[in-house]
Amino acid sequence: MQNSGMGMGIFLTGAMAGMVAGAALGASMAPSSRQIKRTVNKAAKKVNQAVDNLASAIEM
């Protein structure tokens, strides 16, 4: 019985270490705010172009 309690402590320690490592890796791979702004601007331009194309097609 005592061994299972120790095993649970080891498991929880490993789980916490895994979560910390995952959070650190996720933070290091996150895009910068500059990259996000650039992507948003490109998407907005494409949407505006699509709206313009649709408006031109409807006018014809």
Protein backbone atom coordinates (compact mmCIF):
# COMPACT_ATOMS: atom_id res chain seq x y z
CA MET A 1 0.00 0.00 0.00
CA GLN A 2 2.77 2.47 0.79
CA ASN A 3 4.36 1.89 -2.59
CA SER A 4 1.24 3.03 -4.49
CA GLY A 5 1.29 6.39 -2.68
CA MET A 6 4.88 6.97 -3.67
CA GLY A 7 4.08 5.96 -7.24
CA MET A 8 1.32 8.53 -7.38
CA GLY A 9 3.71 11.23 -6.19
CA ILE A 10 6.22 10.30 -8.87
CA PHE A 11 3.45 10.29 -11.47
CA LEU A 12 2.22 13.75 -10.42
CA THR A 13 5.77 15.11 -10.45
CA GLY A 14 6.27 13.77 -13.97
CA ALA A 15 2.93 15.15 -15.11
CA MET A 16 3.77 18.60 -13.75
CA ALA A 17 7.20 18.51 -15.41
CA GLY A 18 5.52 17.59 -18.71
CA MET A 19 3.04 20.47 -18.42
CA VAL A 20 5.82 22.95 -17.68
CA ALA A 21 7.88 21.69 -20.62
CA GLY A 22 4.84 21.86 -22.91
CA ALA A 23 4.03 25.41 -21.83
CA ALA A 24 7.63 26.51 -22.40
CA LEU A 25 7.71 24.90 -25.84
CA GLY A 26 4.35 26.43 -26.77
CA ALA A 27 5.47 29.89 -25.69
CA SER A 28 8.68 29.65 -27.70
CA MET A 29 6.80 28.60 -30.84
CA ALA A 30 4.05 31.23 -30.61
CA PRO A 31 4.09 33.76 -33.46
CA SER A 32 5.16 37.30 -32.67
CA SER A 33 2.61 40.09 -32.62
CA ARG A 34 4.21 41.49 -35.79
CA GLN A 35 3.58 38.21 -37.63
CA ILE A 36 -0.01 38.13 -36.38
CA LYS A 37 -0.65 41.71 -37.52
CA ARG A 38 0.85 40.96 -40.93
CA THR A 39 -1.35 37.90 -41.36
CA VAL A 40 -4.46 39.82 -40.29
CA ASN A 41 -3.68 42.63 -42.73
CA LYS A 42 -3.18 40.16 -45.59
CA ALA A 43 -6.48 38.46 -44.77
CA ALA A 44 -8.29 41.81 -44.61
CA LYS A 45 -6.91 42.77 -48.03
CA LYS A 46 -8.09 39.47 -49.51
CA VAL A 47 -11.56 39.93 -48.03
CA ASN A 48 -11.76 43.48 -49.39
CA GLN A 49 -10.68 42.26 -52.83
CA ALA A 50 -13.28 39.49 -52.75
CA VAL A 51 -15.99 42.01 -51.80
CA ASP A 52 -14.89 44.32 -54.62
CA ASN A 53 -14.96 41.42 -57.09
CA LEU A 54 -18.43 40.40 -55.95
CA ALA A 55 -19.70 43.97 -56.19
CA SER A 56 -18.28 44.26 -59.71
CA ALA A 57 -19.89 40.98 -60.73
CA ILE A 58 -23.28 42.06 -59.39
CA GLU A 59 -23.13 45.39 -61.25
CA MET A 60 -22.62 43.65 -64.59
